[in-house]
Amino acid sequence: MKLGPQHLDAIAATYEAALAPERWAEALDRLAHLVGATYASISLIEDAFPECHINATNKPWPAAAMTEYKKSIVPEEAVYWRALKTLAPQHVVDDTEFFSDRSTYDSLPMIRFGSDGVGC
């Protein structure tokens, strides 16, 4: 894949947002546009450095989607996050570490919610 100016602008916006958190919405909007998505989000949870915590979206999720997320997805995600916390710091996660195949992963409610629930 050849990178064009829009790719480089999105990458630059991501680096800028890391230094100026108020710019995350703009950076995520650029990334979403590149892949044809409606919504984009990023989360960074680092217990050792709570000041580095990031949880940003490019725009608010619809209220009905948030209600469904809190009701049915949060408990499932808690299991996933507990498993992630058992890994060594700076470990890059490959979903095959937790799921036997891609279809199992894709069928999880928290993954389906991301693609169906917010209109992506």
N, C-alpha and C. Protein backbone atom coordinates (compact mmCIF):
# COMPACT_ATOMS: atom_id res chain seq x y z
N MET A 1 0.85 -1.18 0.00
CA MET A 1 0.00 0.00 0.00
C MET A 1 0.89 1.23 0.00
N LYS A 2 0.58 2.13 -0.88
CA LYS A 2 1.32 3.38 -0.96
C LYS A 2 0.65 4.43 -0.07
N LEU A 3 1.44 5.08 0.76
CA LEU A 3 0.90 6.11 1.63
C LEU A 3 0.78 7.43 0.87
N GLY A 4 -0.40 8.02 0.98
CA GLY A 4 -0.63 9.31 0.35
C GLY A 4 -0.65 10.41 1.40
N PRO A 5 -0.86 11.64 0.97
CA PRO A 5 -0.87 12.77 1.90
C PRO A 5 -1.90 12.63 3.03
N GLN A 6 -3.07 12.05 2.72
CA GLN A 6 -4.10 11.89 3.76
C GLN A 6 -3.64 10.92 4.85
N HIS A 7 -2.87 9.89 4.47
CA HIS A 7 -2.33 8.95 5.45
C HIS A 7 -1.31 9.65 6.35
N LEU A 8 -0.44 10.39 5.72
CA LEU A 8 0.60 11.09 6.49
C LEU A 8 -0.01 12.15 7.40
N ASP A 9 -1.05 12.83 6.93
CA ASP A 9 -1.74 13.82 7.77
C ASP A 9 -2.38 13.15 8.99
N ALA A 10 -2.98 11.97 8.78
CA ALA A 10 -3.62 11.25 9.89
C ALA A 10 -2.57 10.78 10.90
N ILE A 11 -1.44 10.31 10.41
CA ILE A 11 -0.36 9.89 11.30
C ILE A 11 0.16 11.09 12.09
N ALA A 12 0.38 12.19 11.41
CA ALA A 12 0.86 13.41 12.07
C ALA A 12 -0.15 13.89 13.12
N ALA A 13 -1.42 13.84 12.78
CA ALA A 13 -2.46 14.27 13.73
C ALA A 13 -2.46 13.40 14.98
N THR A 14 -2.17 12.10 14.82
CA THR A 14 -2.12 11.19 15.96
C THR A 14 -0.95 11.56 16.88
N TYR A 15 0.19 11.84 16.31
CA TYR A 15 1.34 12.25 17.13
C TYR A 15 1.07 13.58 17.83
N GLU A 16 0.43 14.51 17.13
CA GLU A 16 0.10 15.80 17.74
C GLU A 16 -0.87 15.62 18.90
N ALA A 17 -1.85 14.73 18.73
CA ALA A 17 -2.83 14.49 19.79
C ALA A 17 -2.19 13.88 21.03
N ALA A 18 -1.15 13.08 20.82
CA ALA A 18 -0.46 12.49 21.97
C ALA A 18 0.15 13.59 22.85
N LEU A 19 0.49 14.70 22.23
CA LEU A 19 1.08 15.83 22.98
C LEU A 19 0.04 16.86 23.40
N ALA A 20 -1.08 16.88 22.72
CA ALA A 20 -2.15 17.84 23.03
C ALA A 20 -3.47 17.08 23.02
N PRO A 21 -3.86 16.47 24.16
CA PRO A 21 -5.03 15.58 24.20
C PRO A 21 -6.34 16.17 23.67
N GLU A 22 -6.47 17.47 23.70
CA GLU A 22 -7.70 18.09 23.18
C GLU A 22 -7.83 17.88 21.67
N ARG A 23 -6.80 17.37 21.02
CA ARG A 23 -6.82 17.17 19.57
C ARG A 23 -7.14 15.72 19.17
N TRP A 24 -7.47 14.87 20.17
CA TRP A 24 -7.77 13.48 19.84
C TRP A 24 -8.98 13.35 18.91
N ALA A 25 -10.02 14.12 19.13
CA ALA A 25 -11.22 13.99 18.29
C ALA A 25 -10.87 14.24 16.82
N GLU A 26 -10.08 15.25 16.55
CA GLU A 26 -9.67 15.55 15.17
C GLU A 26 -8.82 14.42 14.59
N ALA A 27 -7.85 13.94 15.37
CA ALA A 27 -6.99 12.85 14.89
C ALA A 27 -7.80 11.59 14.60
N LEU A 28 -8.70 11.24 15.51
CA LEU A 28 -9.51 10.04 15.32
C LEU A 28 -10.49 10.20 14.15
N ASP A 29 -10.96 11.41 13.95
CA ASP A 29 -11.83 11.66 12.81
C ASP A 29 -11.09 11.39 11.50
N ARG A 30 -9.84 11.83 11.43
CA ARG A 30 -9.03 11.58 10.23
C ARG A 30 -8.81 10.08 10.01
N LEU A 31 -8.51 9.37 11.09
CA LEU A 31 -8.29 7.93 10.97
C LEU A 31 -9.57 7.22 10.54
N ALA A 32 -10.70 7.60 11.14
CA ALA A 32 -11.98 6.99 10.77
C ALA A 32 -12.28 7.23 9.29
N HIS A 33 -12.04 8.44 8.84
CA HIS A 33 -12.29 8.78 7.44
C HIS A 33 -11.44 7.90 6.50
N LEU A 34 -10.20 7.66 6.88
CA LEU A 34 -9.30 6.85 6.04
C LEU A 34 -9.83 5.44 5.80
N VAL A 35 -10.47 4.87 6.81
CA VAL A 35 -10.93 3.49 6.69
C VAL A 35 -12.43 3.39 6.44
N GLY A 36 -13.10 4.52 6.27
CA GLY A 36 -14.52 4.52 5.99
C GLY A 36 -15.39 4.23 7.19
N ALA A 37 -14.88 4.54 8.38
CA ALA A 37 -15.65 4.30 9.61
C ALA A 37 -16.40 5.55 10.04
N THR A 38 -17.44 5.35 10.82
CA THR A 38 -18.20 6.46 11.38
C THR A 38 -17.58 6.92 12.69
N TYR A 39 -17.18 5.96 13.51
CA TYR A 39 -16.64 6.26 14.83
C TYR A 39 -15.24 5.68 14.97
N ALA A 40 -14.43 6.35 15.77
CA ALA A 40 -13.10 5.85 16.10
C ALA A 40 -12.85 6.16 17.56
N SER A 41 -12.13 5.27 18.22
CA SER A 41 -11.79 5.52 19.62
C SER A 41 -10.41 4.95 19.90
N ILE A 42 -9.83 5.44 20.97
CA ILE A 42 -8.54 4.93 21.42
C ILE A 42 -8.56 4.90 22.94
N SER A 43 -8.01 3.85 23.47
CA SER A 43 -7.90 3.73 24.92
C SER A 43 -6.49 3.28 25.28
N LEU A 44 -5.94 3.92 26.26
CA LEU A 44 -4.65 3.52 26.81
C LEU A 44 -4.82 3.49 28.31
N ILE A 45 -4.60 2.34 28.89
CA ILE A 45 -4.74 2.20 30.33
C ILE A 45 -3.40 1.70 30.84
N GLU A 46 -2.74 2.49 31.63
CA GLU A 46 -1.44 2.14 32.18
C GLU A 46 -1.48 2.42 33.67
N ASP A 47 -1.66 1.36 34.45
CA ASP A 47 -1.78 1.52 35.89
C ASP A 47 -0.55 2.16 36.52
N ALA A 48 0.61 1.87 35.98
CA ALA A 48 1.85 2.43 36.55
C ALA A 48 1.96 3.93 36.32
N PHE A 49 1.31 4.43 35.27
CA PHE A 49 1.38 5.86 34.96
C PHE A 49 -0.03 6.38 34.67
N PRO A 50 -0.84 6.58 35.70
CA PRO A 50 -2.23 7.00 35.47
C PRO A 50 -2.35 8.31 34.71
N GLU A 51 -1.32 9.14 34.76
CA GLU A 51 -1.39 10.41 34.02
C GLU A 51 -1.37 10.18 32.51
N CYS A 52 -1.02 8.98 32.08
CA CYS A 52 -0.97 8.66 30.65
C CYS A 52 -2.28 8.07 30.14
N HIS A 53 -3.27 7.94 31.00
CA HIS A 53 -4.55 7.33 30.62
C HIS A 53 -5.19 8.14 29.48
N ILE A 54 -5.60 7.46 28.43
CA ILE A 54 -6.28 8.10 27.30
C ILE A 54 -7.56 7.31 27.03
N ASN A 55 -8.64 8.00 26.87
CA ASN A 55 -9.89 7.39 26.42
C ASN A 55 -10.59 8.46 25.60
N ALA A 56 -10.45 8.37 24.29
CA ALA A 56 -10.96 9.43 23.42
C ALA A 56 -11.75 8.84 22.27
N THR A 57 -12.71 9.61 21.78
CA THR A 57 -13.49 9.24 20.59
C THR A 57 -13.53 10.44 19.66
N ASN A 58 -13.86 10.18 18.40
CA ASN A 58 -13.95 11.29 17.46
C ASN A 58 -15.28 12.03 17.56
N LYS A 59 -16.30 11.37 18.10
CA LYS A 59 -17.60 12.01 18.31
C LYS A 59 -18.38 11.18 19.31
N PRO A 60 -19.36 11.76 19.97
CA PRO A 60 -20.13 10.98 20.96
C PRO A 60 -20.91 9.84 20.30
N TRP A 61 -20.98 8.72 20.99
CA TRP A 61 -21.80 7.61 20.52
C TRP A 61 -23.26 7.94 20.76
N PRO A 62 -24.16 7.41 19.93
CA PRO A 62 -25.59 7.63 20.16
C PRO A 62 -26.00 7.11 21.54
N ALA A 63 -26.95 7.80 22.18
CA ALA A 63 -27.38 7.45 23.54
C ALA A 63 -27.85 6.00 23.64
N ALA A 64 -28.61 5.53 22.66
CA ALA A 64 -29.11 4.14 22.70
C ALA A 64 -27.95 3.15 22.66
N ALA A 65 -26.94 3.47 21.88
CA ALA A 65 -25.77 2.58 21.79
C ALA A 65 -25.03 2.55 23.13
N MET A 66 -24.90 3.67 23.78
CA MET A 66 -24.21 3.71 25.07
C MET A 66 -24.99 2.94 26.13
N THR A 67 -26.31 3.04 26.12
CA THR A 67 -27.14 2.29 27.07
C THR A 67 -26.92 0.80 26.88
N GLU A 68 -26.95 0.33 25.64
CA GLU A 68 -26.73 -1.08 25.34
C GLU A 68 -25.32 -1.51 25.74
N TYR A 69 -24.35 -0.68 25.48
CA TYR A 69 -22.96 -0.98 25.84
C TYR A 69 -22.82 -1.18 27.35
N LYS A 70 -23.36 -0.27 28.12
CA LYS A 70 -23.24 -0.36 29.58
C LYS A 70 -23.97 -1.58 30.13
N LYS A 71 -25.10 -1.93 29.52
CA LYS A 71 -25.91 -3.04 30.01
C LYS A 71 -25.29 -4.40 29.68
N SER A 72 -24.84 -4.58 28.45
CA SER A 72 -24.44 -5.93 28.04
C SER A 72 -22.96 -6.11 27.75
N ILE A 73 -22.25 -5.06 27.46
CA ILE A 73 -20.85 -5.23 27.04
C ILE A 73 -19.87 -5.03 28.19
N VAL A 74 -20.14 -4.10 29.08
CA VAL A 74 -19.21 -3.81 30.17
C VAL A 74 -18.84 -5.06 30.97
N PRO A 75 -19.80 -5.92 31.38
CA PRO A 75 -19.40 -7.12 32.12
C PRO A 75 -18.49 -8.05 31.32
N GLU A 76 -18.76 -8.20 30.03
CA GLU A 76 -17.92 -9.04 29.18
C GLU A 76 -16.52 -8.45 29.03
N GLU A 77 -16.45 -7.14 28.84
CA GLU A 77 -15.14 -6.50 28.70
C GLU A 77 -14.31 -6.64 29.97
N ALA A 78 -14.95 -6.66 31.12
CA ALA A 78 -14.22 -6.78 32.38
C ALA A 78 -13.37 -8.05 32.40
N VAL A 79 -13.93 -9.14 31.87
CA VAL A 79 -13.19 -10.40 31.80
C VAL A 79 -11.98 -10.24 30.88
N TYR A 80 -12.19 -9.61 29.75
CA TYR A 80 -11.11 -9.38 28.78
C TYR A 80 -10.02 -8.49 29.38
N TRP A 81 -10.40 -7.40 30.05
CA TRP A 81 -9.41 -6.49 30.64
C TRP A 81 -8.62 -7.18 31.75
N ARG A 82 -9.28 -8.03 32.54
CA ARG A 82 -8.55 -8.77 33.58
C ARG A 82 -7.49 -9.67 32.94
N ALA A 83 -7.83 -10.30 31.84
CA ALA A 83 -6.86 -11.16 31.15
C ALA A 83 -5.70 -10.33 30.60
N LEU A 84 -6.01 -9.18 30.07
CA LEU A 84 -4.95 -8.31 29.54
C LEU A 84 -3.99 -7.86 30.64
N LYS A 85 -4.51 -7.62 31.83
CA LYS A 85 -3.66 -7.15 32.93
C LYS A 85 -2.69 -8.22 33.42
N THR A 86 -2.88 -9.46 33.02
CA THR A 86 -1.96 -10.52 33.43
C THR A 86 -0.71 -10.56 32.54
N LEU A 87 -0.74 -9.83 31.45
CA LEU A 87 0.39 -9.84 30.51
C LEU A 87 1.50 -8.92 30.99
N ALA A 88 2.68 -9.17 30.51
CA ALA A 88 3.83 -8.33 30.86
C ALA A 88 3.65 -6.92 30.32
N PRO A 89 4.19 -5.92 31.00
CA PRO A 89 4.11 -4.54 30.49
C PRO A 89 4.68 -4.46 29.07
N GLN A 90 4.07 -3.64 28.28
CA GLN A 90 4.46 -3.36 26.89
C GLN A 90 4.31 -4.56 25.97
N HIS A 91 3.56 -5.56 26.41
CA HIS A 91 3.29 -6.73 25.57
C HIS A 91 2.30 -6.32 24.48
N VAL A 92 2.61 -6.62 23.25
CA VAL A 92 1.69 -6.34 22.15
C VAL A 92 0.76 -7.53 22.03
N VAL A 93 -0.52 -7.26 22.10
CA VAL A 93 -1.52 -8.33 22.14
C VAL A 93 -1.93 -8.74 20.73
N ASP A 94 -1.90 -10.03 20.53
CA ASP A 94 -2.46 -10.64 19.33
C ASP A 94 -3.72 -11.35 19.81
N ASP A 95 -4.86 -11.05 19.22
CA ASP A 95 -6.11 -11.61 19.72
C ASP A 95 -6.13 -13.13 19.75
N THR A 96 -5.25 -13.78 18.98
CA THR A 96 -5.21 -15.24 19.02
C THR A 96 -4.71 -15.75 20.37
N GLU A 97 -4.13 -14.87 21.18
CA GLU A 97 -3.73 -15.28 22.53
C GLU A 97 -4.94 -15.57 23.40
N PHE A 98 -6.07 -14.96 23.09
CA PHE A 98 -7.27 -15.10 23.89
C PHE A 98 -8.38 -15.88 23.19
N PHE A 99 -8.35 -15.91 21.87
CA PHE A 99 -9.44 -16.52 21.11
C PHE A 99 -8.87 -17.51 20.10
N SER A 100 -9.52 -18.65 19.97
CA SER A 100 -9.00 -19.72 19.13
C SER A 100 -8.99 -19.39 17.65
N ASP A 101 -9.94 -18.60 17.19
CA ASP A 101 -9.97 -18.23 15.78
C ASP A 101 -10.67 -16.90 15.59
N ARG A 102 -10.55 -16.34 14.43
CA ARG A 102 -11.10 -15.01 14.15
C ARG A 102 -12.62 -14.98 14.28
N SER A 103 -13.30 -16.05 13.87
CA SER A 103 -14.77 -16.04 13.93
C SER A 103 -15.26 -15.99 15.38
N THR A 104 -14.53 -16.64 16.29
CA THR A 104 -14.89 -16.57 17.72
C THR A 104 -14.77 -15.13 18.20
N TYR A 105 -13.67 -14.49 17.85
CA TYR A 105 -13.45 -13.10 18.22
C TYR A 105 -14.53 -12.20 17.63
N ASP A 106 -14.79 -12.35 16.34
CA ASP A 106 -15.78 -11.51 15.66
C ASP A 106 -17.18 -11.69 16.23
N SER A 107 -17.47 -12.86 16.82
CA SER A 107 -18.82 -13.11 17.33
C SER A 107 -19.04 -12.55 18.74
N LEU A 108 -17.98 -12.08 19.40
CA LEU A 108 -18.14 -11.52 20.74
C LEU A 108 -19.05 -10.29 20.70
N PRO A 109 -19.96 -10.18 21.67
CA PRO A 109 -20.84 -9.01 21.69
C PRO A 109 -20.07 -7.69 21.69
N MET A 110 -18.94 -7.61 22.41
CA MET A 110 -18.22 -6.34 22.46
C MET A 110 -17.64 -5.97 21.10
N ILE A 111 -17.32 -6.95 20.27
CA ILE A 111 -16.80 -6.68 18.92
C ILE A 111 -17.95 -6.36 17.99
N ARG A 112 -19.03 -7.14 18.07
CA ARG A 112 -20.21 -6.84 17.23
C ARG A 112 -20.75 -5.46 17.54
N PHE A 113 -20.75 -5.09 18.82
CA PHE A 113 -21.24 -3.76 19.21
C PHE A 113 -20.45 -2.68 18.51
N GLY A 114 -19.14 -2.85 18.44
CA GLY A 114 -18.29 -1.85 17.80
C GLY A 114 -18.61 -1.66 16.35
N SER A 115 -19.03 -2.71 15.66
CA SER A 115 -19.33 -2.57 14.24
C SER A 115 -20.81 -2.34 13.96
N ASP A 116 -21.68 -2.90 14.79
CA ASP A 116 -23.12 -2.77 14.55
C ASP A 116 -23.76 -1.67 15.40
N GLY A 117 -23.39 -1.63 16.67
CA GLY A 117 -24.08 -0.80 17.63
C GLY A 117 -23.93 0.69 17.43
N VAL A 118 -22.82 1.11 16.85
CA VAL A 118 -22.64 2.55 16.68
C VAL A 118 -22.67 2.95 15.22
N GLY A 119 -23.10 2.04 14.37
CA GLY A 119 -23.32 2.38 12.98
C GLY A 119 -22.07 2.41 12.14
N CYS A 120 -21.06 1.64 12.48
CA CYS A 120 -19.83 1.61 11.68
C CYS A 120 -20.03 0.72 10.47
